[in-house]
Amino acid sequence: MIKQKSSLDQLPPEMRPAFQELGVLKHLRNAGFKKTFGYTCSHLFMLVFVLLFHQKNWFRLLESSKSEAFPGKDAVYRFLNHSGFAWRRFLTSLSSDTVQRVETLTSVTRTSVFIVDDSMFERNRSKAVELLARFKDHATGAYYKGFRMLTLGWSDGHTFLPLDFALLSSVKAGLTGIHPGIDKRSTGYKRRKEALLSAPHLVSELLDRAIASGVSASYVLMDSWFTHAPLIERVVERGLHVIGMVKNDNKRYLVQGKRVDLKGLYRSATQVQGKQRNILRQIHTELVPGIPVVVVFVRHRSKKNEWLAILSTDLTLTAPEIIQIYALRWDIEVFFKCAKSLLRLQKEFQGRSYDLLISHTTIVFSRYILLAWQHRQSTDQRTLGGLFYLLCDEVGSLDWAVALQQLVELMNEIANQVGKKLSAMIKSQLQLWISALPNYIKAYLPISGCES
């Protein structure tokens, strides 16, 4: 019989309270993760989850003096390569539950947003990885082998939480195909078929799943690669507003019945008056499908003679509000950097199976969710409870004259409870302090109560 440690014993002590509070293993069980024999799914999940905190990869850990306490390599790889586990269901359950916890710490007046973006998932040294494809990095212009990691996240401006993702391959630029032995009824096969779909089509599905899980937001933020009329139209149909950067391409806008490009739209826009020198112009217009939008032109940060355009389907927002909300999109860039540099995305396991890529990416996302929740708990003053804000309200509404009177009365009360010598000294010092105050302040104090 295999002896197993308690799953929580594998965690660093600092992380156990947050892990239990979020019920990570409960979400894993509710997603249907079960095995008929051997190490449990919870044990194997925890083992991979804490690898990062051991500061070792799986190979080095098996070579260490603690190797006897861990299962064999095959047990872990069978778990990660299993095509029947519903990793998306687990991630959606964990992230939506965490979002609801964060919302209790967020003011109802605070804006929450969905953020959509993709990032490189590189496997440049691989040749036989399933569904491997060649992509162009639009930031550098170089080509790489791997996948596009399309990600949907949620943010309230303080905490970013990843909700869902898809590792996209390519039909035209694909280097390898789907493994022929995969069960077509399995969850893994559905994820493989999804990898060959277009990103705009998948964005709609990601949003539908997030909304169905109970996560809500007012806006969908996206960069210029996604801000196109067909996708904007699908997002608006779901009751959400879009705020996104606009690419200077052949898109047409309707101005007084005429179709103009972005440069023509800039010439037609009116200048924004006020102290915001970086906000150049603003115009209400329509996309060619007839979607009313407002476009704000801002000065390019590094190229002062150029401008950038930000589009919003919410016509009630002012130009500064549009820019302020769009700035939240940077949260997902920080998430990508953290996941790759600190949480070992792409690097920790080098398997060839598409299932392993999905499972390990999900575990990395769950690590980030746990750390984000811990950070929110330690930095948000509202986690101290409603008592903090009740005290703030009381202090804010307390008149200074009343506060000064209460202070003097408190000092007199203390003086009456101590010995005669100490009482006389307290009252003497209090009288000297009061006598040095301006007359208009003395008028508010119970002077007679201090004189004796």
Protein backbone atom coordinates (compact mmCIF):
# COMPACT_ATOMS: atom_id res chain seq x y z
CA MET A 1 0.00 0.00 0.00
CA ILE A 2 1.32 3.48 -0.92
CA LYS A 3 1.80 5.78 2.07
CA GLN A 4 0.94 9.36 1.30
CA LYS A 5 1.56 12.47 3.29
CA SER A 6 -1.27 14.87 3.91
CA SER A 7 -1.58 17.04 0.81
CA LEU A 8 -1.23 20.28 2.76
CA ASP A 9 2.04 19.09 4.33
CA GLN A 10 3.73 19.68 0.99
CA LEU A 11 2.90 23.39 1.04
CA PRO A 12 5.08 26.09 2.61
CA PRO A 13 3.50 27.14 5.94
CA GLU A 14 2.90 30.69 4.64
CA MET A 15 0.63 29.43 1.86
CA ARG A 16 -1.50 26.87 3.70
CA PRO A 17 -4.14 29.30 5.05
CA ALA A 18 -4.76 30.81 1.60
CA PHE A 19 -4.79 27.37 -0.03
CA GLN A 20 -7.41 26.14 2.43
CA GLU A 21 -9.42 29.37 2.25
CA LEU A 22 -9.71 29.15 -1.54
CA GLY A 23 -10.49 25.42 -1.37
CA VAL A 24 -8.17 24.58 -4.26
CA LEU A 25 -8.42 20.81 -3.77
CA LYS A 26 -12.20 21.07 -3.43
CA HIS A 27 -12.38 22.72 -6.86
CA LEU A 28 -10.13 19.95 -8.21
CA ARG A 29 -12.46 17.24 -6.90
CA ASN A 30 -15.56 19.07 -8.13
CA ALA A 31 -14.03 19.16 -11.61
CA GLY A 32 -14.01 15.35 -11.62
CA PHE A 33 -10.32 14.61 -11.04
CA LYS A 34 -10.25 10.98 -9.87
CA LYS A 35 -7.97 7.96 -10.17
CA THR A 36 -8.81 4.31 -9.59
CA PHE A 37 -5.48 3.38 -7.98
CA GLY A 38 -2.10 4.76 -6.92
CA TYR A 39 -1.46 8.30 -5.77
CA THR A 40 -4.53 10.49 -5.68
CA CYS A 41 -4.99 13.38 -8.12
CA SER A 42 -4.88 15.81 -5.19
CA HIS A 43 -1.50 14.50 -4.09
CA LEU A 44 -0.01 14.67 -7.59
CA PHE A 45 -1.49 18.13 -8.21
CA MET A 46 0.03 19.43 -4.98
CA LEU A 47 3.37 17.89 -5.85
CA VAL A 48 3.57 19.78 -9.16
CA PHE A 49 2.08 22.93 -7.58
CA VAL A 50 4.84 23.21 -4.94
CA LEU A 51 7.77 22.37 -7.24
CA LEU A 52 8.31 26.07 -7.76
CA PHE A 53 8.69 26.63 -4.02
CA HIS A 54 11.27 23.84 -3.68
CA GLN A 55 13.44 25.82 -6.12
CA LYS A 56 14.01 22.61 -8.12
CA ASN A 57 12.63 21.07 -11.27
CA TRP A 58 11.14 17.58 -11.29
CA PHE A 59 14.37 15.92 -12.44
CA ARG A 60 16.50 17.53 -9.71
CA LEU A 61 13.92 16.75 -7.06
CA LEU A 62 14.06 13.03 -7.89
CA GLU A 63 17.86 13.17 -7.62
CA SER A 64 17.77 14.83 -4.20
CA SER A 65 17.92 13.08 -0.82
CA LYS A 66 14.12 13.47 -0.51
CA SER A 67 13.40 11.39 -3.62
CA GLU A 68 12.06 8.44 -1.62
CA ALA A 69 9.19 10.59 -0.33
CA PHE A 70 7.93 11.33 -3.86
CA PRO A 71 6.22 9.17 -6.47
CA GLY A 72 8.05 8.04 -9.57
CA LYS A 73 8.42 10.13 -12.69
CA ASP A 74 5.89 8.06 -14.62
CA ALA A 75 3.10 8.69 -12.08
CA VAL A 76 3.43 12.46 -12.45
CA TYR A 77 3.67 12.39 -16.24
CA ARG A 78 0.66 10.08 -16.54
CA PHE A 79 -1.29 12.59 -14.46
CA LEU A 80 -0.21 15.58 -16.58
CA ASN A 81 -0.70 13.73 -19.89
CA HIS A 82 -4.19 12.45 -19.07
CA SER A 83 -6.61 13.64 -21.77
CA GLY A 84 -9.75 13.01 -19.72
CA PHE A 85 -9.22 15.59 -16.96
CA ALA A 86 -11.31 18.77 -17.23
CA TRP A 87 -8.60 21.33 -16.50
CA ARG A 88 -10.71 24.21 -17.82
CA ARG A 89 -13.57 23.33 -15.47
CA PHE A 90 -11.13 23.38 -12.54
CA LEU A 91 -9.61 26.73 -13.51
CA THR A 92 -13.01 28.34 -14.13
CA SER A 93 -14.31 27.13 -10.78
CA LEU A 94 -11.24 28.33 -8.87
CA SER A 95 -10.97 31.71 -10.60
CA SER A 96 -14.68 32.56 -10.44
CA ASP A 97 -14.79 31.72 -6.72
CA THR A 98 -11.72 33.89 -6.10
CA VAL A 99 -13.24 36.77 -8.09
CA GLN A 100 -16.34 36.65 -5.90
CA ARG A 101 -14.14 36.81 -2.80
CA VAL A 102 -12.22 39.78 -4.19
CA GLU A 103 -15.46 41.57 -5.07
CA THR A 104 -16.41 41.63 -1.38
CA LEU A 105 -13.28 43.74 -0.82
CA THR A 106 -14.02 46.06 -3.75
CA SER A 107 -16.25 49.12 -3.66
CA VAL A 108 -19.40 48.91 -5.78
CA THR A 109 -18.33 52.13 -7.49
CA ARG A 110 -15.02 50.64 -8.63
CA THR A 111 -14.78 49.59 -12.29
CA SER A 112 -14.10 45.92 -13.03
CA VAL A 113 -13.01 44.76 -16.48
CA PHE A 114 -12.34 41.70 -18.61
CA ILE A 115 -8.96 41.81 -20.36
CA VAL A 116 -8.22 39.83 -23.52
CA ASP A 117 -4.73 39.39 -24.92
CA ASP A 118 -2.40 36.78 -26.33
CA SER A 119 1.24 36.02 -25.64
CA MET A 120 3.98 33.87 -27.10
CA PHE A 121 4.21 30.31 -25.78
CA GLU A 122 7.62 29.35 -27.13
CA ARG A 123 8.94 25.85 -27.82
CA ASN A 124 11.78 26.78 -30.18
CA ARG A 125 13.88 23.69 -29.45
CA SER A 126 11.00 21.26 -29.99
CA LYS A 127 10.34 19.22 -33.10
CA ALA A 128 7.72 16.63 -32.17
CA VAL A 129 5.43 18.58 -29.82
CA GLU A 130 1.80 17.98 -30.71
CA LEU A 131 0.16 20.81 -32.72
CA LEU A 132 3.44 22.74 -32.85
CA ALA A 133 3.23 25.72 -35.24
CA ARG A 134 5.27 28.67 -36.45
CA PHE A 135 4.17 32.19 -35.52
CA LYS A 136 5.42 35.73 -36.01
CA ASP A 137 6.12 37.90 -32.98
CA HIS A 138 4.57 41.21 -34.01
CA ALA A 139 6.58 43.09 -31.39
CA THR A 140 9.99 42.08 -32.77
CA GLY A 141 9.13 40.80 -36.25
CA ALA A 142 10.92 37.49 -35.56
CA TYR A 143 9.40 34.04 -36.00
CA TYR A 144 9.16 31.43 -33.26
CA LYS A 145 7.94 27.87 -32.84
CA GLY A 146 5.24 27.21 -30.29
CA PHE A 147 1.70 28.46 -29.65
CA ARG A 148 -0.31 31.63 -29.08
CA MET A 149 -1.59 31.72 -25.51
CA LEU A 150 -4.94 33.53 -25.75
CA THR A 151 -5.90 34.57 -22.22
CA LEU A 152 -8.96 36.12 -20.59
CA GLY A 153 -8.45 37.84 -17.24
CA TRP A 154 -10.44 39.91 -14.75
CA SER A 155 -9.22 43.00 -12.92
CA ASP A 156 -10.58 45.63 -10.55
CA GLY A 157 -7.47 47.79 -10.83
CA HIS A 158 -5.91 46.23 -7.73
CA THR A 159 -6.01 42.49 -8.37
CA PHE A 160 -5.69 40.64 -11.67
CA LEU A 161 -6.99 37.06 -11.92
CA PRO A 162 -6.67 34.80 -14.99
CA LEU A 163 -10.03 33.22 -15.87
CA ASP A 164 -9.46 31.09 -18.96
CA PHE A 165 -7.01 30.45 -21.78
CA ALA A 166 -6.50 28.61 -25.05
CA LEU A 167 -3.19 27.47 -26.57
CA LEU A 168 -3.67 28.24 -30.25
CA SER A 169 -1.96 26.39 -33.07
CA SER A 170 -2.36 27.08 -36.80
CA VAL A 171 -3.81 25.16 -39.73
CA LYS A 172 -1.65 26.94 -42.32
CA ALA A 173 1.59 27.23 -40.34
CA GLY A 174 1.29 23.98 -38.37
CA LEU A 175 4.42 21.82 -38.09
CA THR A 176 2.79 18.81 -36.42
CA GLY A 177 -0.80 17.61 -36.17
CA ILE A 178 -3.10 15.97 -33.62
CA HIS A 179 -1.92 12.63 -32.26
CA PRO A 180 -4.00 9.97 -34.02
CA GLY A 181 -4.52 7.85 -30.89
CA ILE A 182 -6.48 10.48 -28.92
CA ASP A 183 -9.99 9.57 -27.84
CA LYS A 184 -12.31 11.91 -29.73
CA ARG A 185 -14.84 11.87 -26.88
CA SER A 186 -12.34 13.24 -24.36
CA THR A 187 -11.88 16.75 -23.05
CA GLY A 188 -8.35 16.76 -24.43
CA TYR A 189 -9.59 16.23 -27.99
CA LYS A 190 -11.98 19.17 -27.66
CA ARG A 191 -9.09 21.38 -26.54
CA ARG A 192 -7.09 20.24 -29.58
CA LYS A 193 -9.91 21.11 -31.97
CA GLU A 194 -10.25 24.47 -30.24
CA ALA A 195 -6.55 25.17 -30.85
CA LEU A 196 -7.22 25.32 -34.61
CA LEU A 197 -9.97 27.95 -34.37
CA SER A 198 -9.46 31.68 -34.91
CA ALA A 199 -8.71 33.94 -31.95
CA PRO A 200 -11.73 36.30 -32.45
CA HIS A 201 -14.10 33.32 -32.45
CA LEU A 202 -12.54 31.99 -29.24
CA VAL A 203 -12.74 35.37 -27.47
CA SER A 204 -16.53 35.15 -27.63
CA GLU A 205 -16.46 31.64 -26.15
CA LEU A 206 -14.09 32.69 -23.36
CA LEU A 207 -16.41 35.56 -22.43
CA ASP A 208 -19.49 33.31 -22.51
CA ARG A 209 -17.89 30.81 -20.13
CA ALA A 210 -16.75 33.56 -17.75
CA ILE A 211 -20.20 35.16 -17.64
CA ALA A 212 -21.87 31.75 -17.17
CA SER A 213 -19.60 31.06 -14.18
CA GLY A 214 -20.88 34.20 -12.42
CA VAL A 215 -18.03 36.63 -13.16
CA SER A 216 -19.19 40.11 -14.10
CA ALA A 217 -17.50 43.20 -15.50
CA SER A 218 -18.47 46.40 -17.29
CA TYR A 219 -15.83 46.59 -20.00
CA VAL A 220 -13.69 44.34 -22.20
CA LEU A 221 -10.21 45.75 -22.76
CA MET A 222 -8.13 44.67 -25.75
CA ASP A 223 -5.19 45.86 -27.77
CA SER A 224 -5.11 46.79 -31.44
CA TRP A 225 -4.87 43.16 -32.64
CA PHE A 226 -8.41 42.46 -31.40
CA THR A 227 -10.17 45.83 -31.79
CA HIS A 228 -12.05 45.05 -35.00
CA ALA A 229 -15.70 45.63 -35.86
CA PRO A 230 -16.89 41.96 -36.00
CA LEU A 231 -15.47 41.13 -32.55
CA ILE A 232 -16.65 44.46 -31.09
CA GLU A 233 -20.13 43.69 -32.37
CA ARG A 234 -20.15 40.25 -30.70
CA VAL A 235 -18.96 41.71 -27.40
CA VAL A 236 -21.59 44.47 -27.43
CA GLU A 237 -24.29 41.86 -28.08
CA ARG A 238 -23.33 40.31 -24.73
CA GLY A 239 -24.09 43.55 -22.87
CA LEU A 240 -20.45 44.58 -22.44
CA HIS A 241 -18.65 47.71 -23.59
CA VAL A 242 -15.33 47.60 -25.44
CA ILE A 243 -12.34 49.86 -24.86
CA GLY A 244 -9.36 49.14 -27.06
CA MET A 245 -6.44 50.57 -28.95
CA VAL A 246 -7.11 51.14 -32.66
CA LYS A 247 -4.63 50.16 -35.36
CA ASN A 248 -3.98 52.65 -38.15
CA ASP A 249 -5.09 50.35 -40.99
CA ASN A 250 -7.84 50.26 -43.61
CA LYS A 251 -10.75 50.31 -41.16
CA ARG A 252 -13.38 52.86 -42.12
CA TYR A 253 -15.43 55.16 -39.92
CA LEU A 254 -18.61 57.04 -40.77
CA VAL A 255 -18.37 60.82 -40.44
CA GLN A 256 -21.36 62.79 -41.77
CA GLY A 257 -22.22 59.95 -44.13
CA LYS A 258 -18.68 59.64 -45.50
CA ARG A 259 -16.25 56.78 -44.94
CA VAL A 260 -12.85 57.92 -43.66
CA ASP A 261 -9.77 56.13 -42.36
CA LEU A 262 -8.15 56.81 -38.97
CA LYS A 263 -6.04 59.71 -40.25
CA GLY A 264 -9.12 61.31 -41.77
CA LEU A 265 -10.94 60.76 -38.51
CA TYR A 266 -8.14 62.57 -36.66
CA ARG A 267 -8.47 65.58 -38.96
CA SER A 268 -12.24 65.65 -38.36
CA ALA A 269 -11.95 65.37 -34.57
CA THR A 270 -12.20 68.38 -32.31
CA GLN A 271 -9.38 69.40 -30.01
CA VAL A 272 -9.83 68.68 -26.31
CA GLN A 273 -9.63 71.77 -24.13
CA GLY A 274 -8.27 71.56 -20.62
CA LYS A 275 -5.18 70.75 -18.59
CA GLN A 276 -4.72 67.28 -20.14
CA ARG A 277 -2.01 68.18 -22.65
CA ASN A 278 -1.51 64.55 -23.74
CA ILE A 279 -5.15 64.20 -24.81
CA LEU A 280 -5.19 65.71 -28.28
CA ARG A 281 -8.60 65.16 -29.87
CA GLN A 282 -11.92 63.37 -29.46
CA ILE A 283 -14.76 62.49 -31.82
CA HIS A 284 -18.05 60.60 -31.76
CA THR A 285 -18.37 58.41 -34.84
CA GLU A 286 -19.59 55.02 -36.08
CA LEU A 287 -17.86 51.90 -37.26
CA VAL A 288 -18.94 50.75 -40.71
CA PRO A 289 -21.37 48.09 -39.30
CA GLY A 290 -23.17 50.98 -37.57
CA ILE A 291 -21.74 50.65 -34.06
CA PRO A 292 -21.56 54.09 -32.35
CA VAL A 293 -18.17 54.71 -30.73
CA VAL A 294 -16.05 57.52 -29.35
CA VAL A 295 -12.40 57.73 -30.39
CA VAL A 296 -9.83 59.58 -28.27
CA PHE A 297 -6.46 60.57 -29.72
CA VAL A 298 -3.57 60.76 -27.25
CA ARG A 299 0.04 61.77 -27.69
CA HIS A 300 2.52 58.95 -28.24
CA ARG A 301 4.69 58.62 -25.13
CA SER A 302 8.03 58.01 -26.89
CA LYS A 303 7.28 59.70 -30.24
CA LYS A 304 5.95 63.13 -29.38
CA ASN A 305 5.01 63.98 -32.96
CA GLU A 306 2.75 60.94 -33.30
CA TRP A 307 -0.54 59.95 -31.72
CA LEU A 308 -2.42 56.83 -30.64
CA ALA A 309 -6.17 56.21 -30.85
CA ILE A 310 -8.33 54.55 -28.19
CA LEU A 311 -11.88 53.46 -29.04
CA SER A 312 -14.78 53.09 -26.61
CA THR A 313 -18.35 51.89 -27.19
CA ASP A 314 -19.46 53.60 -23.96
CA LEU A 315 -20.40 57.09 -25.16
CA THR A 316 -21.00 58.41 -21.63
CA LEU A 317 -17.31 58.31 -20.66
CA THR A 318 -15.08 61.35 -20.82
CA ALA A 319 -11.68 61.19 -22.50
CA PRO A 320 -9.74 60.97 -19.17
CA GLU A 321 -12.07 58.19 -17.97
CA ILE A 322 -11.50 56.18 -21.16
CA ILE A 323 -7.74 56.46 -20.76
CA GLN A 324 -7.90 55.61 -17.06
CA ILE A 325 -9.92 52.45 -17.68
CA TYR A 326 -7.79 51.37 -20.63
CA ALA A 327 -4.69 51.65 -18.43
CA LEU A 328 -5.95 48.58 -16.53
CA ARG A 329 -5.05 46.48 -19.58
CA TRP A 330 -1.42 46.59 -18.45
CA ASP A 331 -2.31 44.14 -15.66
CA ILE A 332 -2.35 41.25 -18.11
CA GLU A 333 1.12 42.17 -19.40
CA VAL A 334 2.41 42.02 -15.82
CA PHE A 335 0.72 38.62 -15.47
CA PHE A 336 2.43 37.26 -18.61
CA LYS A 337 5.81 38.46 -17.39
CA CYS A 338 5.31 36.99 -13.93
CA ALA A 339 4.04 33.64 -15.24
CA LYS A 340 7.02 33.19 -17.56
CA SER A 341 9.81 34.67 -15.47
CA LEU A 342 8.81 33.66 -11.95
CA LEU A 343 6.27 30.82 -12.16
CA ARG A 344 8.18 28.75 -14.78
CA LEU A 345 5.60 28.71 -17.52
CA GLN A 346 7.04 27.01 -20.66
CA LYS A 347 10.12 25.78 -18.76
CA GLU A 348 9.19 23.48 -15.88
CA PHE A 349 8.04 20.47 -17.97
CA GLN A 350 9.15 19.70 -21.50
CA GLY A 351 6.67 17.06 -22.62
CA ARG A 352 5.48 16.50 -26.18
CA SER A 353 1.80 16.00 -25.40
CA TYR A 354 -0.69 18.83 -25.87
CA ASP A 355 -2.43 17.62 -22.68
CA LEU A 356 0.72 18.28 -20.66
CA LEU A 357 0.92 21.84 -22.01
CA ILE A 358 -2.69 22.46 -20.96
CA SER A 359 -2.34 20.87 -17.51
CA HIS A 360 0.90 22.59 -16.59
CA THR A 361 -0.32 25.99 -17.84
CA THR A 362 -3.44 25.57 -15.68
CA ILE A 363 -1.31 24.78 -12.62
CA VAL A 364 0.83 27.88 -13.26
CA PHE A 365 -2.37 29.97 -13.51
CA SER A 366 -3.61 28.50 -10.21
CA ARG A 367 -0.29 29.43 -8.57
CA TYR A 368 -0.79 33.01 -9.71
CA ILE A 369 -4.38 33.07 -8.41
CA LEU A 370 -3.22 31.92 -4.98
CA LEU A 371 -0.42 34.49 -4.84
CA ALA A 372 -2.74 37.26 -6.07
CA TRP A 373 -5.25 36.42 -3.33
CA GLN A 374 -2.50 36.44 -0.68
CA HIS A 375 -1.27 39.79 -1.95
CA ARG A 376 -4.78 41.24 -1.82
CA GLN A 377 -5.27 39.95 1.71
CA SER A 378 -2.03 41.50 2.92
CA THR A 379 -2.33 44.89 1.21
CA ASP A 380 -6.04 45.70 1.17
CA GLN A 381 -7.13 47.58 4.27
CA ARG A 382 -10.68 46.33 3.86
CA THR A 383 -9.51 42.84 4.77
CA LEU A 384 -9.40 44.11 8.35
CA GLY A 385 -13.17 44.09 8.18
CA GLY A 386 -15.87 46.72 8.31
CA LEU A 387 -14.51 47.98 11.61
CA PHE A 388 -11.72 49.87 9.80
CA TYR A 389 -14.13 51.82 7.64
CA LEU A 390 -16.55 52.47 10.49
CA LEU A 391 -13.68 54.02 12.45
CA CYS A 392 -12.61 56.05 9.42
CA ASP A 393 -16.16 57.36 8.99
CA GLU A 394 -16.39 58.24 12.67
CA VAL A 395 -13.08 60.11 12.69
CA GLY A 396 -13.94 61.88 9.43
CA SER A 397 -17.27 63.11 10.76
CA LEU A 398 -15.98 64.09 14.22
CA ASP A 399 -15.89 67.87 14.68
CA TRP A 400 -12.48 69.15 15.82
CA ALA A 401 -14.00 71.13 18.68
CA VAL A 402 -15.84 68.06 20.00
CA ALA A 403 -12.65 66.02 19.71
CA LEU A 404 -10.71 68.64 21.68
CA GLN A 405 -13.35 68.74 24.42
CA GLN A 406 -13.32 64.95 24.67
CA LEU A 407 -9.53 65.00 24.98
CA VAL A 408 -9.61 67.47 27.87
CA GLU A 409 -12.37 65.50 29.61
CA LEU A 410 -10.34 62.32 29.22
CA MET A 411 -7.27 63.93 30.78
CA ASN A 412 -9.38 65.22 33.71
CA GLU A 413 -10.86 61.76 34.21
CA ILE A 414 -7.40 60.21 34.31
CA ALA A 415 -6.20 62.87 36.74
CA ASN A 416 -9.08 62.10 39.14
CA GLN A 417 -8.23 58.38 39.19
CA VAL A 418 -4.56 58.66 40.20
CA GLY A 419 -2.86 59.82 43.37
CA LYS A 420 -2.95 63.43 44.61
CA LYS A 421 0.61 64.33 43.58
CA LEU A 422 0.29 62.84 40.08
CA SER A 423 -3.19 64.31 39.70
CA ALA A 424 -1.96 67.78 40.57
CA MET A 425 0.93 67.48 38.10
CA ILE A 426 -1.40 66.34 35.26
CA LYS A 427 -3.85 69.16 35.89
CA SER A 428 -1.04 71.69 36.12
CA GLN A 429 0.43 70.62 32.78
CA LEU A 430 -3.03 70.56 31.21
CA GLN A 431 -3.73 74.10 32.46
CA LEU A 432 -0.41 75.36 31.07
CA TRP A 433 -1.22 73.81 27.67
CA ILE A 434 -4.71 75.37 27.63
CA SER A 435 -3.43 78.79 28.65
CA ALA A 436 -1.05 78.75 25.66
CA LEU A 437 -3.89 78.11 23.19
CA PRO A 438 -5.44 80.96 21.14
CA ASN A 439 -8.54 82.54 22.61
CA TYR A 440 -10.86 81.34 19.83
CA ILE A 441 -9.91 77.74 20.70
CA LYS A 442 -10.23 78.32 24.47
CA ALA A 443 -13.84 79.30 23.89
CA TYR A 444 -14.62 75.68 22.94
CA LEU A 445 -12.90 74.09 25.94
CA PRO A 446 -14.37 73.31 29.38
CA ILE A 447 -11.80 75.57 31.08
CA SER A 448 -13.65 75.60 34.38
CA GLY A 449 -13.41 71.83 34.58
CA CYS A 450 -9.63 72.03 34.43
CA GLU A 451 -9.13 74.81 36.94
CA SER A 452 -8.72 73.69 40.48
